[in-house]
């Protein structure tokens, strides 16, 4: 049994791709929080590489969203545009 407290998490800078990606999916309702995390990771990968269209990246996430894929794409694109990223 350990007596040390858990390590603190240092938040990413405001302009970091990780923060931008996870911020862009925070308004998308999902079945479980893990689905939103998976979606955020997929958007981060898309922002890092931009090999496929955003639609393909969203489909590959396999996240169980409570909105349609088109609505999720609209939310993500709007958030990325607000943050200064052109999808």
N, C-alpha and C. Protein backbone atom coordinates (compact mmCIF):
# COMPACT_ATOMS: atom_id res chain seq x y z
N UNK A 1 0.84 -1.17 0.00
CA UNK A 1 0.00 0.00 0.00
C UNK A 1 0.89 1.24 0.00
N UNK A 2 0.55 2.19 -0.85
CA UNK A 2 1.38 3.39 -0.96
C UNK A 2 0.85 4.51 -0.07
N UNK A 3 1.75 5.36 0.38
CA UNK A 3 1.35 6.49 1.21
C UNK A 3 1.52 7.80 0.47
N UNK A 4 2.02 7.75 -0.76
CA UNK A 4 2.23 8.97 -1.54
C UNK A 4 0.96 9.32 -2.31
N UNK A 5 0.69 10.62 -2.44
CA UNK A 5 -0.49 11.02 -3.24
C UNK A 5 -0.21 10.79 -4.72
N UNK A 6 -1.25 10.67 -5.52
CA UNK A 6 -1.04 10.47 -6.96
C UNK A 6 -0.37 11.70 -7.58
N UNK A 7 0.30 11.47 -8.67
CA UNK A 7 0.96 12.57 -9.37
C UNK A 7 -0.07 13.55 -9.90
N UNK A 8 0.29 14.81 -9.90
CA UNK A 8 -0.62 15.82 -10.44
C UNK A 8 -0.52 15.84 -11.96
N UNK A 9 -1.58 16.27 -12.58
CA UNK A 9 -1.62 16.34 -14.04
C UNK A 9 -1.39 17.79 -14.44
N UNK A 10 -0.40 17.99 -15.28
CA UNK A 10 -0.10 19.34 -15.75
C UNK A 10 -0.92 19.58 -17.01
N UNK A 11 -1.80 20.59 -17.01
CA UNK A 11 -2.62 20.83 -18.20
C UNK A 11 -1.77 21.28 -19.39
N UNK A 12 -2.23 20.90 -20.58
CA UNK A 12 -1.53 21.28 -21.80
C UNK A 12 -1.70 22.78 -22.05
N UNK A 13 -0.74 23.41 -22.71
CA UNK A 13 -0.88 24.84 -23.04
C UNK A 13 -2.11 25.08 -23.92
N UNK A 14 -2.62 26.30 -23.90
CA UNK A 14 -3.83 26.65 -24.64
C UNK A 14 -3.73 26.36 -26.13
N UNK A 15 -2.56 26.51 -26.72
CA UNK A 15 -2.41 26.35 -28.17
C UNK A 15 -1.91 24.96 -28.57
N UNK A 16 -1.87 24.03 -27.63
CA UNK A 16 -1.41 22.67 -27.92
C UNK A 16 -2.48 21.91 -28.71
N UNK A 17 -2.05 21.08 -29.64
CA UNK A 17 -3.00 20.31 -30.45
C UNK A 17 -3.88 19.41 -29.58
N UNK A 18 -3.33 18.87 -28.51
CA UNK A 18 -4.12 18.01 -27.63
C UNK A 18 -5.30 18.77 -27.05
N UNK A 19 -5.04 19.96 -26.56
CA UNK A 19 -6.10 20.77 -25.95
C UNK A 19 -7.13 21.15 -26.99
N UNK A 20 -6.69 21.53 -28.18
CA UNK A 20 -7.60 21.91 -29.26
C UNK A 20 -8.49 20.73 -29.65
N UNK A 21 -7.90 19.55 -29.78
CA UNK A 21 -8.65 18.36 -30.19
C UNK A 21 -9.70 17.98 -29.15
N UNK A 22 -9.31 17.89 -27.90
CA UNK A 22 -10.25 17.46 -26.86
C UNK A 22 -11.30 18.55 -26.60
N UNK A 23 -10.94 19.80 -26.78
CA UNK A 23 -11.90 20.89 -26.64
C UNK A 23 -12.96 20.81 -27.74
N UNK A 24 -12.57 20.36 -28.93
CA UNK A 24 -13.50 20.32 -30.05
C UNK A 24 -14.57 19.23 -29.90
N UNK A 25 -14.34 18.25 -29.05
CA UNK A 25 -15.32 17.16 -28.90
C UNK A 25 -16.04 17.18 -27.55
N UNK A 26 -15.74 18.15 -26.71
CA UNK A 26 -16.31 18.13 -25.35
C UNK A 26 -17.83 18.32 -25.34
N UNK A 27 -18.42 18.90 -26.38
CA UNK A 27 -19.87 19.13 -26.42
C UNK A 27 -20.63 17.99 -27.08
N UNK A 28 -19.94 16.97 -27.55
CA UNK A 28 -20.60 15.86 -28.22
C UNK A 28 -21.04 14.84 -27.17
N UNK A 29 -22.35 14.60 -27.08
CA UNK A 29 -22.82 13.61 -26.10
C UNK A 29 -22.47 12.19 -26.56
N UNK A 30 -21.89 11.42 -25.66
CA UNK A 30 -21.51 10.04 -25.97
C UNK A 30 -22.09 9.11 -24.91
N UNK A 31 -22.09 7.84 -25.25
CA UNK A 31 -22.64 6.84 -24.33
C UNK A 31 -21.83 6.78 -23.04
N UNK A 32 -20.51 6.84 -23.15
CA UNK A 32 -19.62 6.82 -21.99
C UNK A 32 -18.52 7.86 -22.19
N UNK A 33 -17.93 8.37 -21.11
CA UNK A 33 -16.84 9.34 -21.24
C UNK A 33 -15.67 8.81 -22.06
N UNK A 34 -15.41 7.50 -21.99
CA UNK A 34 -14.32 6.92 -22.75
C UNK A 34 -14.53 7.11 -24.26
N UNK A 35 -15.78 7.10 -24.71
CA UNK A 35 -16.06 7.32 -26.12
C UNK A 35 -15.64 8.73 -26.54
N UNK A 36 -15.86 9.70 -25.68
CA UNK A 36 -15.46 11.08 -25.98
C UNK A 36 -13.94 11.19 -25.99
N UNK A 37 -13.27 10.49 -25.08
CA UNK A 37 -11.81 10.48 -25.08
C UNK A 37 -11.26 9.87 -26.37
N UNK A 38 -11.87 8.78 -26.80
CA UNK A 38 -11.45 8.13 -28.04
C UNK A 38 -11.65 9.07 -29.23
N UNK A 39 -12.77 9.78 -29.21
CA UNK A 39 -13.04 10.74 -30.28
C UNK A 39 -12.03 11.89 -30.25
N UNK A 40 -11.70 12.39 -29.07
CA UNK A 40 -10.70 13.45 -28.95
C UNK A 40 -9.34 13.00 -29.44
N UNK A 41 -8.95 11.77 -29.11
CA UNK A 41 -7.68 11.24 -29.57
C UNK A 41 -7.67 11.14 -31.09
N UNK A 42 -8.78 10.71 -31.68
CA UNK A 42 -8.85 10.59 -33.13
C UNK A 42 -8.75 11.96 -33.80
N UNK A 43 -9.37 12.96 -33.23
CA UNK A 43 -9.26 14.32 -33.78
C UNK A 43 -7.83 14.82 -33.63
N UNK A 44 -7.19 14.51 -32.50
CA UNK A 44 -5.78 14.91 -32.32
C UNK A 44 -4.90 14.27 -33.40
N UNK A 45 -5.11 12.96 -33.66
CA UNK A 45 -4.34 12.30 -34.71
C UNK A 45 -4.60 12.95 -36.06
N UNK A 46 -5.85 13.30 -36.32
CA UNK A 46 -6.20 13.93 -37.59
C UNK A 46 -5.50 15.29 -37.70
N UNK A 47 -5.50 16.06 -36.63
CA UNK A 47 -4.83 17.36 -36.65
C UNK A 47 -3.32 17.19 -36.84
N UNK A 48 -2.75 16.14 -36.30
CA UNK A 48 -1.31 15.91 -36.40
C UNK A 48 -0.89 15.48 -37.79
N UNK A 49 -1.69 14.62 -38.43
CA UNK A 49 -1.28 14.04 -39.71
C UNK A 49 -2.05 14.55 -40.92
N UNK A 50 -3.34 14.74 -40.77
CA UNK A 50 -4.23 15.19 -41.84
C UNK A 50 -4.10 14.36 -43.12
N UNK A 51 -4.08 13.05 -42.96
CA UNK A 51 -3.97 12.17 -44.11
C UNK A 51 -5.32 11.94 -44.77
N UNK A 52 -6.34 11.70 -43.99
CA UNK A 52 -7.67 11.41 -44.49
C UNK A 52 -8.59 12.60 -44.19
N UNK A 53 -9.77 12.62 -44.81
CA UNK A 53 -10.74 13.65 -44.45
C UNK A 53 -11.20 13.48 -42.99
N UNK A 54 -11.69 14.53 -42.40
CA UNK A 54 -12.16 14.49 -41.03
C UNK A 54 -13.29 13.47 -40.87
N UNK A 55 -14.11 13.31 -41.89
CA UNK A 55 -15.21 12.35 -41.84
C UNK A 55 -14.69 10.93 -41.63
N UNK A 56 -13.62 10.58 -42.34
CA UNK A 56 -13.04 9.24 -42.21
C UNK A 56 -12.45 9.05 -40.82
N UNK A 57 -11.82 10.08 -40.31
CA UNK A 57 -11.24 9.99 -38.96
C UNK A 57 -12.34 9.79 -37.92
N UNK A 58 -13.45 10.50 -38.08
CA UNK A 58 -14.55 10.37 -37.14
C UNK A 58 -15.12 8.95 -37.16
N UNK A 59 -15.27 8.39 -38.35
CA UNK A 59 -15.79 7.03 -38.47
C UNK A 59 -14.83 6.01 -37.85
N UNK A 60 -13.53 6.24 -38.02
CA UNK A 60 -12.55 5.27 -37.50
C UNK A 60 -12.46 5.28 -35.98
N UNK A 61 -12.95 6.33 -35.34
CA UNK A 61 -12.91 6.40 -33.88
C UNK A 61 -13.79 5.33 -33.25
N UNK A 62 -14.89 5.01 -33.88
CA UNK A 62 -15.79 4.01 -33.32
C UNK A 62 -16.46 4.46 -32.04
N UNK A 63 -16.56 5.76 -31.84
CA UNK A 63 -17.19 6.29 -30.63
C UNK A 63 -18.71 6.15 -30.72
N UNK A 64 -19.31 5.79 -29.61
CA UNK A 64 -20.76 5.64 -29.55
C UNK A 64 -21.37 6.99 -29.17
N UNK A 65 -21.72 7.75 -30.20
CA UNK A 65 -22.24 9.10 -30.00
C UNK A 65 -23.76 9.07 -29.92
N UNK A 66 -24.32 10.01 -29.17
CA UNK A 66 -25.76 10.11 -29.03
C UNK A 66 -26.35 11.12 -30.01
N UNK A 67 -25.54 11.59 -30.94
CA UNK A 67 -25.99 12.45 -32.03
C UNK A 67 -25.54 11.82 -33.34
N UNK A 68 -26.07 12.31 -34.43
CA UNK A 68 -25.70 11.75 -35.73
C UNK A 68 -24.25 12.13 -36.07
N UNK A 69 -23.68 11.39 -37.00
CA UNK A 69 -22.31 11.67 -37.43
C UNK A 69 -22.22 13.07 -38.05
N UNK A 70 -23.24 13.46 -38.80
CA UNK A 70 -23.24 14.79 -39.41
C UNK A 70 -23.26 15.89 -38.36
N UNK A 71 -24.06 15.70 -37.31
CA UNK A 71 -24.12 16.68 -36.23
C UNK A 71 -22.78 16.75 -35.49
N UNK A 72 -22.16 15.61 -35.25
CA UNK A 72 -20.85 15.59 -34.59
C UNK A 72 -19.81 16.32 -35.44
N UNK A 73 -19.82 16.08 -36.74
CA UNK A 73 -18.89 16.78 -37.64
C UNK A 73 -19.10 18.28 -37.59
N UNK A 74 -20.37 18.70 -37.56
CA UNK A 74 -20.68 20.13 -37.50
C UNK A 74 -20.13 20.74 -36.20
N UNK A 75 -20.32 20.04 -35.09
CA UNK A 75 -19.83 20.53 -33.80
C UNK A 75 -18.31 20.63 -33.79
N UNK A 76 -17.64 19.60 -34.29
CA UNK A 76 -16.18 19.59 -34.31
C UNK A 76 -15.64 20.69 -35.21
N UNK A 77 -16.19 20.81 -36.40
CA UNK A 77 -15.72 21.85 -37.33
C UNK A 77 -15.93 23.25 -36.76
N UNK A 78 -17.10 23.49 -36.16
CA UNK A 78 -17.38 24.81 -35.58
C UNK A 78 -16.38 25.12 -34.46
N UNK A 79 -16.09 24.14 -33.62
CA UNK A 79 -15.14 24.35 -32.53
C UNK A 79 -13.73 24.60 -33.06
N UNK A 80 -13.32 23.84 -34.06
CA UNK A 80 -11.99 24.04 -34.63
C UNK A 80 -11.88 25.43 -35.26
N UNK A 81 -12.93 25.88 -35.94
CA UNK A 81 -12.90 27.22 -36.53
C UNK A 81 -12.82 28.29 -35.46
N UNK A 82 -13.57 28.11 -34.35
CA UNK A 82 -13.51 29.08 -33.25
C UNK A 82 -12.10 29.16 -32.65
N UNK A 83 -11.38 28.04 -32.69
CA UNK A 83 -10.03 27.99 -32.12
C UNK A 83 -8.96 28.36 -33.14
N UNK A 84 -9.38 28.74 -34.34
CA UNK A 84 -8.42 29.19 -35.35
C UNK A 84 -7.84 28.11 -36.24
N UNK A 85 -8.44 26.93 -36.22
CA UNK A 85 -7.99 25.81 -37.05
C UNK A 85 -9.00 25.65 -38.19
N UNK A 86 -8.49 25.61 -39.42
CA UNK A 86 -9.37 25.43 -40.56
C UNK A 86 -9.40 23.94 -40.90
N UNK A 87 -10.58 23.28 -40.71
CA UNK A 87 -10.64 21.85 -41.00
C UNK A 87 -10.65 21.53 -42.47
